Amino acid sequence: MSTDLPAVSDSTIRRLSLYLRALEGLDDQAEPTVSSRRLAELAGTSAAQVRKDLSRFGSFGKRGLGYSVAPLQNHLRDILGLQRRWPVVLVGAGRIGSALFEYPYFRERGFEIVAVVDRDPAKVGRRWNGVKIQSVEALPTLVRECRAELGILAIPATDAQAAAEALVDAGVRGILNFAPVQLHLGSHVVVNDVNLTLEMEALSFALRTASELGSGEGG
């Protein structure tokens, strides 16, 4: 497959991830092929959307036969950059950091947290499954030694910008940011923000809206 990938939206990439998970489930069930309709049902979208998303990256299916499950899995892993190992540096050894480190799906997908740093002296020196927590001052050296291109920020907002800059200066090109603050970095750095409070507020709004609609229908 060509390394020249088309520019697509974040929502398209998220759907590709859903398609991959669905295909893995089908593979576990020893199903050799899948239709666009079935794949859409598993991913929570439409058959037309499935065909449109996949057609952006090539021709993978055959009319009347659908998609071959195993080859399409490999194509999607290639598109998503999952055919390689990604060393990751985790900044923050608190509760969120600990939960992320223990999350097994990261490692299954090729994202391996190879270094952990924290500013709390009481945490520095501890070991998490063989990985020694080191002082935040060691961050630049660790990034270079591990050749990490990805970093995770699981620290307070007040410390996030400085830590992000240190990661980028050391060579990190992508950051998963759990700190509730917008980072200001160069356009060459990809930042994905995960704000749990915003997600809960969105759920709250959705439920409130649904409740009001329900009340209106009954009035």
Protein backbone atom coordinates (compact mmCIF):
# COMPACT_ATOMS: atom_id res chain seq x y z
CA MET A 1 0.00 0.00 0.00
CA SER A 2 1.20 3.51 -0.75
CA THR A 3 2.53 5.56 2.13
CA ASP A 4 0.80 8.63 0.70
CA LEU A 5 -2.42 8.72 2.68
CA PRO A 6 -5.30 11.07 1.87
CA ALA A 7 -6.28 13.84 4.24
CA VAL A 8 -9.32 12.68 6.20
CA SER A 9 -11.29 13.92 9.19
CA ASP A 10 -10.85 12.76 12.77
CA SER A 11 -14.30 11.21 12.63
CA THR A 12 -13.23 9.07 9.66
CA ILE A 13 -10.17 7.83 11.54
CA ARG A 14 -12.32 6.96 14.54
CA ARG A 15 -14.64 4.95 12.31
CA LEU A 16 -11.67 3.08 10.85
CA SER A 17 -10.72 2.09 14.40
CA LEU A 18 -14.28 0.85 14.97
CA TYR A 19 -14.15 -1.15 11.73
CA LEU A 20 -10.90 -2.74 12.84
CA ARG A 21 -12.36 -3.79 16.19
CA ALA A 22 -15.40 -5.23 14.44
CA LEU A 23 -13.20 -7.18 12.02
CA GLU A 24 -11.14 -8.58 14.88
CA GLY A 25 -14.34 -9.86 16.47
CA LEU A 26 -15.36 -11.49 13.21
CA ASP A 27 -11.92 -13.03 12.86
CA ASP A 28 -12.26 -14.55 16.32
CA GLN A 29 -15.52 -16.10 15.14
CA ALA A 30 -13.76 -17.49 12.07
CA GLU A 31 -15.90 -15.50 9.64
CA PRO A 32 -13.85 -15.12 6.42
CA THR A 33 -15.89 -12.36 4.78
CA VAL A 34 -18.17 -9.52 5.81
CA SER A 35 -20.58 -7.29 3.91
CA SER A 36 -20.56 -3.52 4.20
CA ARG A 37 -24.00 -3.74 5.80
CA ARG A 38 -22.82 -6.16 8.49
CA LEU A 39 -19.68 -4.14 9.16
CA ALA A 40 -21.82 -1.01 9.45
CA GLU A 41 -24.09 -2.70 12.00
CA LEU A 42 -21.11 -3.69 14.14
CA ALA A 43 -19.56 -0.21 13.92
CA GLY A 44 -22.78 1.73 14.42
CA THR A 45 -22.85 3.49 11.06
CA SER A 46 -24.32 2.95 7.57
CA ALA A 47 -23.22 0.65 4.76
CA ALA A 48 -22.77 3.67 2.49
CA GLN A 49 -20.48 5.28 5.07
CA VAL A 50 -18.39 2.13 5.34
CA ARG A 51 -17.92 1.98 1.58
CA LYS A 52 -17.12 5.68 1.40
CA ASP A 53 -14.57 5.52 4.23
CA LEU A 54 -12.74 2.52 2.84
CA SER A 55 -12.78 3.76 -0.75
CA ARG A 56 -10.64 6.72 0.34
CA PHE A 57 -7.75 4.32 0.82
CA GLY A 58 -8.21 1.90 -2.03
CA SER A 59 -10.41 -0.88 -3.32
CA PHE A 60 -10.77 -3.65 -0.73
CA GLY A 61 -14.06 -5.41 -1.42
CA LYS A 62 -15.74 -7.27 -4.25
CA ARG A 63 -19.30 -6.63 -5.34
CA GLY A 64 -21.54 -9.43 -4.16
CA LEU A 65 -18.81 -10.96 -1.99
CA GLY A 66 -18.05 -8.23 0.51
CA TYR A 67 -14.69 -7.80 2.24
CA SER A 68 -12.19 -10.48 3.18
CA VAL A 69 -11.85 -10.10 6.94
CA ALA A 70 -8.16 -10.91 7.46
CA PRO A 71 -6.73 -8.82 4.57
CA LEU A 72 -8.93 -5.84 5.46
CA GLN A 73 -7.69 -6.03 9.06
CA ASN A 74 -4.12 -5.80 7.81
CA HIS A 75 -4.95 -2.87 5.53
CA LEU A 76 -6.59 -0.95 8.40
CA ARG A 77 -3.68 -1.64 10.75
CA ASP A 78 -1.35 -0.29 8.09
CA ILE A 79 -3.50 2.81 7.54
CA LEU A 80 -3.68 3.47 11.31
CA GLY A 81 0.07 2.97 11.76
CA LEU A 82 -0.34 -0.13 13.91
CA GLN A 83 2.12 -2.33 12.06
CA ARG A 84 4.94 -1.12 14.27
CA ARG A 85 5.79 -0.66 17.93
CA TRP A 86 5.33 2.83 19.40
CA PRO A 87 7.47 3.64 22.47
CA VAL A 88 5.54 6.03 24.74
CA VAL A 89 6.69 8.27 27.59
CA LEU A 90 4.16 8.84 30.36
CA VAL A 91 4.37 12.09 32.31
CA GLY A 92 2.53 11.75 35.61
CA ALA A 93 2.45 8.79 38.00
CA GLY A 94 -0.82 9.67 39.72
CA ARG A 95 -4.15 7.86 39.53
CA ILE A 96 -4.79 8.55 35.85
CA GLY A 97 -1.21 7.75 34.94
CA SER A 98 -1.35 4.48 36.87
CA ALA A 99 -4.60 3.47 35.17
CA LEU A 100 -3.17 4.24 31.72
CA PHE A 101 -0.02 2.28 32.45
CA GLU A 102 -2.04 -0.78 33.47
CA TYR A 103 -4.41 -0.55 30.48
CA PRO A 104 -3.62 -3.73 28.52
CA TYR A 105 -5.13 -2.61 25.21
CA PHE A 106 -2.35 -0.05 24.67
CA ARG A 107 0.28 -2.77 24.58
CA GLU A 108 -1.87 -5.04 22.41
CA ARG A 109 -2.10 -2.22 19.86
CA GLY A 110 1.66 -1.63 19.89
CA PHE A 111 1.74 1.37 22.25
CA GLU A 112 4.26 0.50 24.94
CA ILE A 113 4.87 2.84 27.85
CA VAL A 114 8.63 2.51 28.20
CA ALA A 115 9.29 5.39 30.61
CA VAL A 116 7.38 7.15 33.40
CA VAL A 117 8.34 10.46 35.02
CA ASP A 118 6.90 12.41 37.93
CA ARG A 119 7.86 15.47 39.96
CA ASP A 120 6.88 13.91 43.33
CA PRO A 121 10.02 12.64 45.13
CA ALA A 122 7.88 10.10 46.99
CA LYS A 123 7.03 8.39 43.68
CA VAL A 124 10.43 8.63 42.01
CA GLY A 125 12.28 5.33 42.28
CA ARG A 126 9.20 3.13 42.47
CA ARG A 127 8.74 0.47 39.82
CA TRP A 128 5.64 -0.25 37.80
CA ASN A 129 5.92 -3.70 36.28
CA GLY A 130 9.65 -3.27 35.82
CA VAL A 131 9.52 0.37 34.65
CA LYS A 132 11.23 2.69 37.10
CA ILE A 133 9.52 6.02 37.76
CA GLN A 134 12.10 8.74 37.22
CA SER A 135 12.30 12.43 37.98
CA VAL A 136 10.73 14.80 35.49
CA GLU A 137 14.18 16.34 35.01
CA ALA A 138 15.19 13.13 33.24
CA LEU A 139 12.44 13.56 30.62
CA PRO A 140 14.61 14.82 27.70
CA THR A 141 17.18 12.07 28.20
CA LEU A 142 14.54 9.35 28.45
CA VAL A 143 12.76 10.45 25.28
CA ARG A 144 16.00 10.32 23.32
CA GLU A 145 17.18 7.02 24.80
CA CYS A 146 13.83 5.32 24.19
CA ARG A 147 13.41 7.01 20.80
CA ALA A 148 9.87 7.84 21.84
CA GLU A 149 7.69 9.69 19.35
CA LEU A 150 4.59 9.68 21.53
CA GLY A 151 3.94 11.11 24.97
CA ILE A 152 1.06 11.07 27.44
CA LEU A 153 0.39 13.94 29.84
CA ALA A 154 -1.48 12.90 32.98
CA ILE A 155 -0.57 15.88 35.15
CA PRO A 156 -2.17 19.08 36.50
CA ALA A 157 -2.92 21.88 34.04
CA THR A 158 -0.30 24.15 35.62
CA ASP A 159 2.51 21.77 34.64
CA ALA A 160 1.24 20.64 31.25
CA GLN A 161 2.64 23.31 28.91
CA ALA A 162 6.20 23.06 30.24
CA ALA A 163 6.11 19.25 30.14
CA ALA A 164 4.71 19.28 26.59
CA GLU A 165 7.45 21.62 25.43
CA ALA A 166 10.09 19.38 27.01
CA LEU A 167 8.62 16.36 25.21
CA VAL A 168 8.59 18.14 21.87
CA ASP A 169 12.10 19.54 22.28
CA ALA A 170 13.33 16.01 22.92
CA GLY A 171 11.72 14.64 19.75
CA VAL A 172 8.12 13.65 20.60
CA ARG A 173 5.74 14.32 17.69
CA GLY A 174 2.41 13.28 19.19
CA ILE A 175 0.86 13.94 22.61
CA LEU A 176 -2.20 12.48 24.30
CA ASN A 177 -3.17 15.22 26.73
CA PHE A 178 -5.28 14.44 29.81
CA ALA A 179 -4.50 17.79 31.43
CA PRO A 180 -7.52 20.16 31.35
CA VAL A 181 -5.72 22.88 29.41
CA GLN A 182 -5.09 23.76 25.77
CA LEU A 183 -1.48 23.27 24.77
CA HIS A 184 0.28 25.78 22.52
CA LEU A 185 2.80 23.92 20.40
CA GLY A 186 4.07 23.99 16.84
CA SER A 187 1.93 22.83 13.94
CA HIS A 188 4.29 19.87 13.47
CA VAL A 189 3.06 18.35 16.74
CA VAL A 190 -0.19 16.37 16.92
CA VAL A 191 -2.11 16.84 20.15
CA ASN A 192 -5.21 14.84 21.10
CA ASP A 193 -7.01 16.23 24.16
CA VAL A 194 -8.92 13.93 26.50
CA ASN A 195 -11.00 16.04 28.89
CA LEU A 196 -13.06 13.71 31.04
CA THR A 197 -15.04 16.56 32.60
CA LEU A 198 -16.12 17.84 29.18
CA GLU A 199 -17.22 14.35 28.20
CA MET A 200 -19.35 14.06 31.33
CA GLU A 201 -20.84 17.50 30.73
CA ALA A 202 -21.74 16.44 27.19
CA LEU A 203 -23.50 13.38 28.60
CA SER A 204 -25.31 15.56 31.11
CA PHE A 205 -26.52 17.89 28.35
CA ALA A 206 -27.65 14.97 26.18
CA LEU A 207 -29.66 13.45 29.02
CA ARG A 208 -31.17 16.80 29.98
CA THR A 209 -32.19 17.42 26.37
CA ALA A 210 -33.70 13.95 26.06
CA SER A 211 -35.60 14.45 29.30
CA GLU A 212 -37.03 17.79 28.16
CA LEU A 213 -38.07 16.32 24.81
CA GLY A 214 -39.78 13.50 26.61
CA SER A 215 -41.58 15.91 28.89
CA GLY A 216 -42.70 17.99 25.90
CA GLU A 217 -44.14 14.99 24.12
CA GLY A 218 -46.21 14.12 27.13
CA GLY A 219 -47.52 17.64 27.71
